Amino acid sequence: MFGVRIEYNESGDIGLDPDELAREFQLSADTLRRYLRMGLVASTVERGEDNDLGKTRVTVRVGNRIWQAVVEHGDIVHQERRVLRAVTPLRSAP
């Protein structure tokens, strides 16, 4: 079982518990809420089609950190966390 509870509202939209999500990003809940208010948290929800029908991929980004989960029948069946590193451009010779 994974640490972030998936909830659905009456419209079928997915909601995530901010306290649990904050732990996934190794942030305090207050910090995550502040980032949310500042517009620094982005999320996407992708509904599966064809062979992935019934599955949903949820992606949340905070800065260079990403949390992603695949949800099937209301349960997280796969999740991962990633940190994107900045690529340092190569310097050209003078």
PDB file of N, CA and C in Angstrom:
ATOM      1  N   MET A   1       0.847  -1.180   0.000  1.00  0.00           N
ATOM      2  CA  MET A   1       0.000   0.000   0.000  1.00  0.00           C
ATOM      3  C   MET A   1       0.888   1.238   0.000  1.00  0.00           C
ATOM      4  N   PHE A   2       0.478   2.238  -0.728  1.00  0.00           N
ATOM      5  CA  PHE A   2       1.265   3.454  -0.863  1.00  0.00           C
ATOM      6  C   PHE A   2       0.755   4.515   0.096  1.00  0.00           C
ATOM      7  N   GLY A   3       1.563   5.563   0.300  1.00  0.00           N
ATOM      8  CA  GLY A   3       1.304   6.540   1.334  1.00  0.00           C
ATOM      9  C   GLY A   3       0.304   7.640   1.030  1.00  0.00           C
ATOM     10  N   VAL A   4      -0.087   7.851  -0.214  1.00  0.00           N
ATOM     11  CA  VAL A   4      -0.998   8.945  -0.539  1.00  0.00           C
ATOM     12  C   VAL A   4      -2.373   8.370  -0.840  1.00  0.00           C
ATOM     13  N   ARG A   5      -3.356   8.826  -0.088  1.00  0.00           N
ATOM     14  CA  ARG A   5      -4.732   8.353  -0.276  1.00  0.00           C
ATOM     15  C   ARG A   5      -5.362   9.102  -1.457  1.00  0.00           C
ATOM     16  N   ILE A   6      -6.007   8.364  -2.322  1.00  0.00           N
ATOM     17  CA  ILE A   6      -6.716   8.917  -3.473  1.00  0.00           C
ATOM     18  C   ILE A   6      -8.182   9.073  -3.090  1.00  0.00           C
ATOM     19  N   GLU A   7      -8.721  10.264  -3.319  1.00  0.00           N
ATOM     20  CA  GLU A   7     -10.131  10.518  -3.036  1.00  0.00           C
ATOM     21  C   GLU A   7     -10.784  11.078  -4.297  1.00  0.00           C
ATOM     22  N   TYR A   8     -12.058  10.808  -4.444  1.00  0.00           N
ATOM     23  CA  TYR A   8     -12.826  11.310  -5.585  1.00  0.00           C
ATOM     24  C   TYR A   8     -13.958  12.177  -5.078  1.00  0.00           C
ATOM     25  N   ASN A   9     -14.216  13.305  -5.759  1.00  0.00           N
ATOM     26  CA  ASN A   9     -15.379  14.113  -5.380  1.00  0.00           C
ATOM     27  C   ASN A   9     -16.598  13.648  -6.175  1.00  0.00           C
ATOM     28  N   GLU A  10     -17.713  14.345  -6.000  1.00  0.00           N
ATOM     29  CA  GLU A  10     -18.967  13.935  -6.666  1.00  0.00           C
ATOM     30  C   GLU A  10     -18.851  13.938  -8.183  1.00  0.00           C
ATOM     31  N   SER A  11     -17.970  14.789  -8.727  1.00  0.00           N
ATOM     32  CA  SER A  11     -17.795  14.876 -10.185  1.00  0.00           C
ATOM     33  C   SER A  11     -16.841  13.814 -10.722  1.00  0.00           C
ATOM     34  N   GLY A  12     -16.227  13.047  -9.814  1.00  0.00           N
ATOM     35  CA  GLY A  12     -15.269  12.038 -10.241  1.00  0.00           C
ATOM     36  C   GLY A  12     -13.847  12.555 -10.338  1.00  0.00           C
ATOM     37  N   ASP A  13     -13.628  13.826  -9.941  1.00  0.00           N
ATOM     38  CA  ASP A  13     -12.283  14.391  -9.957  1.00  0.00           C
ATOM     39  C   ASP A  13     -11.465  13.810  -8.810  1.00  0.00           C
ATOM     40  N   ILE A  14     -10.169  13.659  -9.046  1.00  0.00           N
ATOM     41  CA  ILE A  14      -9.268  13.084  -8.055  1.00  0.00           C
ATOM     42  C   ILE A  14      -8.770  14.165  -7.111  1.00  0.00           C
ATOM     43  N   GLY A  15      -8.696  13.825  -5.838  1.00  0.00           N
ATOM     44  CA  GLY A  15      -8.112  14.700  -4.825  1.00  0.00           C
ATOM     45  C   GLY A  15      -7.059  13.932  -4.046  1.00  0.00           C
ATOM     46  N   LEU A  16      -6.024  14.628  -3.620  1.00  0.00           N
ATOM     47  CA  LEU A  16      -4.944  14.022  -2.854  1.00  0.00           C
ATOM     48  C   LEU A  16      -4.852  14.727  -1.512  1.00  0.00           C
ATOM     49  N   ASP A  17      -4.576  13.982  -0.469  1.00  0.00           N
ATOM     50  CA  ASP A  17      -4.416  14.560   0.858  1.00  0.00           C
ATOM     51  C   ASP A  17      -3.115  15.361   0.884  1.00  0.00           C
ATOM     52  N   PRO A  18      -3.183  16.675   1.152  1.00  0.00           N
ATOM     53  CA  PRO A  18      -1.957  17.486   1.097  1.00  0.00           C
ATOM     54  C   PRO A  18      -0.915  17.097   2.139  1.00  0.00           C
ATOM     55  N   ASP A  19      -1.338  16.603   3.298  1.00  0.00           N
ATOM     56  CA  ASP A  19      -0.369  16.182   4.312  1.00  0.00           C
ATOM     57  C   ASP A  19       0.425  14.964   3.826  1.00  0.00           C
ATOM     58  N   GLU A  20      -0.276  14.008   3.235  1.00  0.00           N
ATOM     59  CA  GLU A  20       0.389  12.810   2.730  1.00  0.00           C
ATOM     60  C   GLU A  20       1.278  13.145   1.534  1.00  0.00           C
ATOM     61  N   LEU A  21       0.781  14.018   0.662  1.00  0.00           N
ATOM     62  CA  LEU A  21       1.560  14.406  -0.510  1.00  0.00           C
ATOM     63  C   LEU A  21       2.824  15.161  -0.093  1.00  0.00           C
ATOM     64  N   ALA A  22       2.721  16.001   0.925  1.00  0.00           N
ATOM     65  CA  ALA A  22       3.884  16.742   1.422  1.00  0.00           C
ATOM     66  C   ALA A  22       4.985  15.780   1.847  1.00  0.00           C
ATOM     67  N   ARG A  23       4.607  14.694   2.508  1.00  0.00           N
ATOM     68  CA  ARG A  23       5.605  13.706   2.926  1.00  0.00           C
ATOM     69  C   ARG A  23       6.328  13.100   1.727  1.00  0.00           C
ATOM     70  N   GLU A  24       5.601  12.870   0.633  1.00  0.00           N
ATOM     71  CA  GLU A  24       6.231  12.310  -0.569  1.00  0.00           C
ATOM     72  C   GLU A  24       7.298  13.253  -1.127  1.00  0.00           C
ATOM     73  N   PHE A  25       7.084  14.558  -0.950  1.00  0.00           N
ATOM     74  CA  PHE A  25       8.046  15.549  -1.422  1.00  0.00           C
ATOM     75  C   PHE A  25       9.055  15.934  -0.341  1.00  0.00           C
ATOM     76  N   GLN A  26       8.957  15.285   0.805  1.00  0.00           N
ATOM     77  CA  GLN A  26       9.825  15.581   1.948  1.00  0.00           C
ATOM     78  C   GLN A  26       9.732  17.059   2.333  1.00  0.00           C
ATOM     79  N   LEU A  27       8.484  17.546   2.356  1.00  0.00           N
ATOM     80  CA  LEU A  27       8.177  18.913   2.756  1.00  0.00           C
ATOM     81  C   LEU A  27       7.222  18.869   3.931  1.00  0.00           C
ATOM     82  N   SER A  28       7.163  19.948   4.685  1.00  0.00           N
ATOM     83  CA  SER A  28       6.119  20.045   5.700  1.00  0.00           C
ATOM     84  C   SER A  28       4.806  20.349   4.989  1.00  0.00           C
ATOM     85  N   ALA A  29       3.703  20.024   5.626  1.00  0.00           N
ATOM     86  CA  ALA A  29       2.388  20.301   5.032  1.00  0.00           C
ATOM     87  C   ALA A  29       2.202  21.803   4.834  1.00  0.00           C
ATOM     88  N   ASP A  30       2.692  22.610   5.776  1.00  0.00           N
ATOM     89  CA  ASP A  30       2.576  24.071   5.650  1.00  0.00           C
ATOM     90  C   ASP A  30       3.355  24.590   4.442  1.00  0.00           C
ATOM     91  N   THR A  31       4.544  24.035   4.218  1.00  0.00           N
ATOM     92  CA  THR A  31       5.341  24.457   3.062  1.00  0.00           C
ATOM     93  C   THR A  31       4.637  24.097   1.770  1.00  0.00           C
ATOM     94  N   LEU A  32       4.092  22.888   1.679  1.00  0.00           N
ATOM     95  CA  LEU A  32       3.374  22.497   0.466  1.00  0.00           C
ATOM     96  C   LEU A  32       2.167  23.402   0.242  1.00  0.00           C
ATOM     97  N   ARG A  33       1.427  23.701   1.287  1.00  0.00           N
ATOM     98  CA  ARG A  33       0.268  24.595   1.145  1.00  0.00           C
ATOM     99  C   ARG A  33       0.702  25.990   0.689  1.00  0.00           C
ATOM    100  N   ARG A  34       1.825  26.478   1.212  1.00  0.00           N
ATOM    101  CA  ARG A  34       2.338  27.783   0.781  1.00  0.00           C
ATOM    102  C   ARG A  34       2.708  27.735  -0.699  1.00  0.00           C
ATOM    103  N   TYR A  35       3.382  26.662  -1.123  1.00  0.00           N
ATOM    104  CA  TYR A  35       3.725  26.511  -2.535  1.00  0.00           C
ATOM    105  C   TYR A  35       2.470  26.451  -3.407  1.00  0.00           C
ATOM    106  N   LEU A  36       1.435  25.785  -2.911  1.00  0.00           N
ATOM    107  CA  LEU A  36       0.161  25.734  -3.647  1.00  0.00           C
ATOM    108  C   LEU A  36      -0.401  27.144  -3.839  1.00  0.00           C
ATOM    109  N   ARG A  37      -0.433  27.927  -2.768  1.00  0.00           N
ATOM    110  CA  ARG A  37      -0.959  29.303  -2.848  1.00  0.00           C
ATOM    111  C   ARG A  37      -0.135  30.161  -3.795  1.00  0.00           C
ATOM    112  N   MET A  38       1.177  29.891  -3.852  1.00  0.00           N
ATOM    113  CA  MET A  38       2.072  30.662  -4.717  1.00  0.00           C
ATOM    114  C   MET A  38       2.030  30.194  -6.172  1.00  0.00           C
ATOM    115  N   GLY A  39       1.288  29.111  -6.445  1.00  0.00           N
ATOM    116  CA  GLY A  39       1.207  28.587  -7.805  1.00  0.00           C
ATOM    117  C   GLY A  39       2.431  27.788  -8.218  1.00  0.00           C
ATOM    118  N   LEU A  40       3.182  27.257  -7.247  1.00  0.00           N
ATOM    119  CA  LEU A  40       4.407  26.523  -7.545  1.00  0.00           C
ATOM    120  C   LEU A  40       4.200  25.017  -7.645  1.00  0.00           C
ATOM    121  N   VAL A  41       2.956  24.585  -7.509  1.00  0.00           N
ATOM    122  CA  VAL A  41       2.630  23.161  -7.604  1.00  0.00           C
ATOM    123  C   VAL A  41       1.775  22.964  -8.849  1.00  0.00           C
ATOM    124  N   ALA A  42       2.193  22.064  -9.709  1.00  0.00           N
ATOM    125  CA  ALA A  42       1.438  21.765 -10.935  1.00  0.00           C
ATOM    126  C   ALA A  42       1.044  20.298 -10.916  1.00  0.00           C
ATOM    127  N   SER A  43      -0.139  20.012 -11.426  1.00  0.00           N
ATOM    128  CA  SER A  43      -0.576  18.623 -11.481  1.00  0.00           C
ATOM    129  C   SER A  43      -1.299  18.343 -12.784  1.00  0.00           C
ATOM    130  N   THR A  44      -1.223  17.087 -13.196  1.00  0.00           N
ATOM    131  CA  THR A  44      -1.972  16.629 -14.364  1.00  0.00           C
ATOM    132  C   THR A  44      -2.596  15.279 -14.045  1.00  0.00           C
ATOM    133  N   VAL A  45      -3.729  15.031 -14.676  1.00  0.00           N
ATOM    134  CA  VAL A  45      -4.426  13.752 -14.547  1.00  0.00           C
ATOM    135  C   VAL A  45      -4.688  13.258 -15.958  1.00  0.00           C
ATOM    136  N   GLU A  46      -4.221  12.051 -16.256  1.00  0.00           N
ATOM    137  CA  GLU A  46      -4.401  11.469 -17.581  1.00  0.00           C
ATOM    138  C   GLU A  46      -5.199  10.184 -17.449  1.00  0.00           C
ATOM    139  N   ARG A  47      -6.315  10.116 -18.146  1.00  0.00           N
ATOM    140  CA  ARG A  47      -7.165   8.927 -18.129  1.00  0.00           C
ATOM    141  C   ARG A  47      -6.697   7.951 -19.199  1.00  0.00           C
ATOM    142  N   GLY A  48      -6.595   6.691 -18.834  1.00  0.00           N
ATOM    143  CA  GLY A  48      -6.124   5.674 -19.761  1.00  0.00           C
ATOM    144  C   GLY A  48      -7.131   5.367 -20.860  1.00  0.00           C
ATOM    145  N   GLU A  49      -6.613   4.948 -21.981  1.00  0.00           N
ATOM    146  CA  GLU A  49      -7.430   4.552 -23.125  1.00  0.00           C
ATOM    147  C   GLU A  49      -6.955   3.185 -23.619  1.00  0.00           C
ATOM    148  N   ASP A  50      -7.784   2.537 -24.412  1.00  0.00           N
ATOM    149  CA  ASP A  50      -7.455   1.241 -25.005  1.00  0.00           C
ATOM    150  C   ASP A  50      -7.000   0.250 -23.933  1.00  0.00           C
ATOM    151  N   ASN A  51      -5.751  -0.231 -24.000  1.00  0.00           N
ATOM    152  CA  ASN A  51      -5.263  -1.222 -23.031  1.00  0.00           C
ATOM    153  C   ASN A  51      -5.166  -0.674 -21.609  1.00  0.00           C
ATOM    154  N   ASP A  52      -5.117   0.646 -21.473  1.00  0.00           N
ATOM    155  CA  ASP A  52      -5.002   1.273 -20.149  1.00  0.00           C
ATOM    156  C   ASP A  52      -6.335   1.807 -19.637  1.00  0.00           C
ATOM    157  N   LEU A  53      -7.421   1.429 -20.295  1.00  0.00           N
ATOM    158  CA  LEU A  53      -8.750   1.872 -19.865  1.00  0.00           C
ATOM    159  C   LEU A  53      -8.985   1.460 -18.414  1.00  0.00           C
ATOM    160  N   GLY A  54      -9.460   2.391 -17.606  1.00  0.00           N
ATOM    161  CA  GLY A  54      -9.686   2.120 -16.198  1.00  0.00           C
ATOM    162  C   GLY A  54      -8.525   2.541 -15.308  1.00  0.00           C
ATOM    163  N   LYS A  55      -7.422   2.920 -15.925  1.00  0.00           N
ATOM    164  CA  LYS A  55      -6.266   3.403 -15.174  1.00  0.00           C
ATOM    165  C   LYS A  55      -6.156   4.918 -15.342  1.00  0.00           C
ATOM    166  N   THR A  56      -5.603   5.559 -14.341  1.00  0.00           N
ATOM    167  CA  THR A  56      -5.384   6.993 -14.367  1.00  0.00           C
ATOM    168  C   THR A  56      -3.976   7.277 -13.880  1.00  0.00           C
ATOM    169  N   ARG A  57      -3.254   8.149 -14.601  1.00  0.00           N
ATOM    170  CA  ARG A  57      -1.928   8.562 -14.147  1.00  0.00           C
ATOM    171  C   ARG A  57      -2.044   9.966 -13.569  1.00  0.00           C
ATOM    172  N   VAL A  58      -1.581  10.121 -12.330  1.00  0.00           N
ATOM    173  CA  VAL A  58      -1.600  11.403 -11.635  1.00  0.00           C
ATOM    174  C   VAL A  58      -0.150  11.850 -11.473  1.00  0.00           C
ATOM    175  N   THR A  59       0.145  13.071 -11.918  1.00  0.00           N
ATOM    176  CA  THR A  59       1.498  13.613 -11.809  1.00  0.00           C
ATOM    177  C   THR A  59       1.429  14.944 -11.078  1.00  0.00           C
ATOM    178  N   VAL A  60       2.286  15.102 -10.070  1.00  0.00           N
ATOM    179  CA  VAL A  60       2.371  16.356  -9.325  1.00  0.00           C
ATOM    180  C   VAL A  60       3.825  16.805  -9.361  1.00  0.00           C
ATOM    181  N   ARG A  61       4.032  18.092  -9.706  1.00  0.00           N
ATOM    182  CA  ARG A  61       5.376  18.665  -9.765  1.00  0.00           C
ATOM    183  C   ARG A  61       5.490  19.808  -8.769  1.00  0.00           C
ATOM    184  N   VAL A  62       6.596  19.812  -8.057  1.00  0.00           N
ATOM    185  CA  VAL A  62       6.957  20.917  -7.168  1.00  0.00           C
ATOM    186  C   VAL A  62       8.411  21.238  -7.488  1.00  0.00           C
ATOM    187  N   GLY A  63       8.620  22.339  -8.186  1.00  0.00           N
ATOM    188  CA  GLY A  63       9.983  22.676  -8.599  1.00  0.00           C
ATOM    189  C   GLY A  63      10.544  21.584  -9.489  1.00  0.00           C
ATOM    190  N   ASN A  64      11.681  21.028  -9.095  1.00  0.00           N
ATOM    191  CA  ASN A  64      12.307  19.979  -9.899  1.00  0.00           C
ATOM    192  C   ASN A  64      11.953  18.577  -9.400  1.00  0.00           C
ATOM    193  N   ARG A  65      10.981  18.485  -8.506  1.00  0.00           N
ATOM    194  CA  ARG A  65      10.568  17.194  -7.957  1.00  0.00           C
ATOM    195  C   ARG A  65       9.244  16.756  -8.584  1.00  0.00           C
ATOM    196  N   ILE A  66       9.150  15.466  -8.835  1.00  0.00           N
ATOM    197  CA  ILE A  66       7.940  14.909  -9.445  1.00  0.00           C
ATOM    198  C   ILE A  66       7.493  13.700  -8.640  1.00  0.00           C
ATOM    199  N   TRP A  67       6.187  13.632  -8.365  1.00  0.00           N
ATOM    200  CA  TRP A  67       5.578  12.433  -7.795  1.00  0.00           C
ATOM    201  C   TRP A  67       4.539  11.989  -8.812  1.00  0.00           C
ATOM    202  N   GLN A  68       4.573  10.709  -9.155  1.00  0.00           N
ATOM    203  CA  GLN A  68       3.648  10.189 -10.155  1.00  0.00           C
ATOM    204  C   GLN A  68       3.083   8.865  -9.664  1.00  0.00           C
ATOM    205  N   ALA A  69       1.797   8.678  -9.892  1.00  0.00           N
ATOM    206  CA  ALA A  69       1.143   7.434  -9.481  1.00  0.00           C
ATOM    207  C   ALA A  69       0.192   6.982 -10.576  1.00  0.00           C
ATOM    208  N   VAL A  70       0.068   5.673 -10.695  1.00  0.00           N
ATOM    209  CA  VAL A  70      -0.937   5.077 -11.562  1.00  0.00           C
ATOM    210  C   VAL A  70      -2.026   4.533 -10.645  1.00  0.00           C
ATOM    211  N   VAL A  71      -3.246   4.952 -10.905  1.00  0.00           N
ATOM    212  CA  VAL A  71      -4.389   4.580 -10.075  1.00  0.00           C
ATOM    213  C   VAL A  71      -5.303   3.667 -10.885  1.00  0.00           C
ATOM    214  N   GLU A  72      -5.712   2.577 -10.258  1.00  0.00           N
ATOM    215  CA  GLU A  72      -6.637   1.645 -10.904  1.00  0.00           C
ATOM    216  C   GLU A  72      -7.697   1.265  -9.881  1.00  0.00           C
ATOM    217  N   HIS A  73      -8.964   1.488 -10.220  1.00  0.00           N
ATOM    218  CA  HIS A  73     -10.091   1.193  -9.335  1.00  0.00           C
ATOM    219  C   HIS A  73      -9.943   1.882  -7.977  1.00  0.00           C
ATOM    220  N   GLY A  74      -9.411   3.108  -7.979  1.00  0.00           N
ATOM    221  CA  GLY A  74      -9.292   3.884  -6.750  1.00  0.00           C
ATOM    222  C   GLY A  74      -8.078   3.576  -5.899  1.00  0.00           C
ATOM    223  N   ASP A  75      -7.257   2.630  -6.316  1.00  0.00           N
ATOM    224  CA  ASP A  75      -6.057   2.282  -5.553  1.00  0.00           C
ATOM    225  C   ASP A  75      -4.805   2.599  -6.371  1.00  0.00           C
ATOM    226  N   ILE A  76      -3.770   3.060  -5.681  1.00  0.00           N
ATOM    227  CA  ILE A  76      -2.498   3.295  -6.357  1.00  0.00           C
ATOM    228  C   ILE A  76      -1.838   1.946  -6.594  1.00  0.00           C
ATOM    229  N   VAL A  77      -1.544   1.666  -7.860  1.00  0.00           N
ATOM    230  CA  VAL A  77      -0.916   0.393  -8.199  1.00  0.00           C
ATOM    231  C   VAL A  77       0.573   0.557  -8.510  1.00  0.00           C
ATOM    232  N   HIS A  78       0.991   1.793  -8.708  1.00  0.00           N
ATOM    233  CA  HIS A  78       2.399   2.074  -8.958  1.00  0.00           C
ATOM    234  C   HIS A  78       2.648   3.538  -8.621  1.00  0.00           C
ATOM    235  N   GLN A  79       3.778   3.831  -8.015  1.00  0.00           N
ATOM    236  CA  GLN A  79       4.147   5.222  -7.798  1.00  0.00           C
ATOM    237  C   GLN A  79       5.650   5.368  -7.886  1.00  0.00           C
ATOM    238  N   GLU A  80       6.089   6.582  -8.179  1.00  0.00           N
ATOM    239  CA  GLU A  80       7.511   6.849  -8.188  1.00  0.00           C
ATOM    240  C   GLU A  80       7.753   8.321  -7.912  1.00  0.00           C
ATOM    241  N   ARG A  81       8.921   8.593  -7.392  1.00  0.00           N
ATOM    242  CA  ARG A  81       9.372   9.955  -7.137  1.00  0.00           C
ATOM    243  C   ARG A  81      10.648  10.175  -7.932  1.00  0.00           C
ATOM    244  N   ARG A  82      10.768  11.363  -8.485  1.00  0.00           N
ATOM    245  CA  ARG A  82      11.963  11.691  -9.246  1.00  0.00           C
ATOM    246  C   ARG A  82      12.377  13.124  -8.931  1.00  0.00           C
ATOM    247  N   VAL A  83      13.653  13.363  -9.061  1.00  0.00           N
ATOM    248  CA  VAL A  83      14.184  14.718  -8.970  1.00  0.00           C
ATOM    249  C   VAL A  83      14.905  14.979 -10.279  1.00  0.00           C
ATOM    250  N   LEU A  84      14.482  16.029 -10.952  1.00  0.00           N
ATOM    251  CA  LEU A  84      15.126  16.389 -12.211  1.00  0.00           C
ATOM    252  C   LEU A  84      16.323  17.274 -11.904  1.00  0.00           C
ATOM    253  N   ARG A  85      17.421  16.935 -12.471  1.00  0.00           N
ATOM    254  CA  ARG A  85      18.648  17.709 -12.255  1.00  0.00           C
ATOM    255  C   ARG A  85      18.862  18.639 -13.437  1.00  0.00           C
ATOM    256  N   ALA A  86      19.363  19.815 -13.144  1.00  0.00           N
ATOM    257  CA  ALA A  86      19.673  20.767 -14.206  1.00  0.00           C
ATOM    258  C   ALA A  86      20.878  20.258 -14.983  1.00  0.00           C
ATOM    259  N   VAL A  87      20.838  20.438 -16.268  1.00  0.00           N
ATOM    260  CA  VAL A  87      21.951  20.039 -17.129  1.00  0.00           C
ATOM    261  C   VAL A  87      22.849  21.251 -17.329  1.00  0.00           C
ATOM    262  N   THR A  88      24.099  21.075 -17.036  1.00  0.00           N
ATOM    263  CA  THR A  88      25.052  22.157 -17.216  1.00  0.00           C
ATOM    264  C   THR A  88      25.514  22.144 -18.672  1.00  0.00           C
ATOM    265  N   PRO A  89      25.301  23.256 -19.375  1.00  0.00           N
ATOM    266  CA  PRO A  89      25.715  23.282 -20.786  1.00  0.00           C
ATOM    267  C   PRO A  89      27.234  23.198 -20.909  1.00  0.00           C
ATOM    268  N   LEU A  90      27.684  22.549 -21.961  1.00  0.00           N
ATOM    269  CA  LEU A  90      29.116  22.461 -22.230  1.00  0.00           C
ATOM    270  C   LEU A  90      29.620  23.816 -22.678  1.00  0.00           C
ATOM    271  N   ARG A  91      30.787  24.145 -22.216  1.00  0.00           N
ATOM    272  CA  ARG A  91      31.397  25.415 -22.654  1.00  0.00           C
ATOM    273  C   ARG A  91      32.128  25.193 -23.975  1.00  0.00           C
ATOM    274  N   SER A  92      31.934  26.111 -24.846  1.00  0.00           N
ATOM    275  CA  SER A  92      32.641  25.989 -26.119  1.00  0.00           C
ATOM    276  C   SER A  92      34.054  26.551 -25.965  1.00  0.00           C
ATOM    277  N   ALA A  93      34.966  26.003 -26.705  1.00  0.00           N
ATOM    278  CA  ALA A  93      36.359  26.462 -26.646  1.00  0.00           C
ATOM    279  C   ALA A  93      36.456  27.879 -27.213  1.00  0.00           C
ATOM    280  N   PRO A  94      37.335  28.699 -26.614  1.00  0.00           N
ATOM    281  CA  PRO A  94      37.471  30.097 -27.115  1.00  0.00           C
ATOM    282  C   PRO A  94      38.057  30.183 -28.506  1.00  0.00           C
TER     283      PRO A  94
END
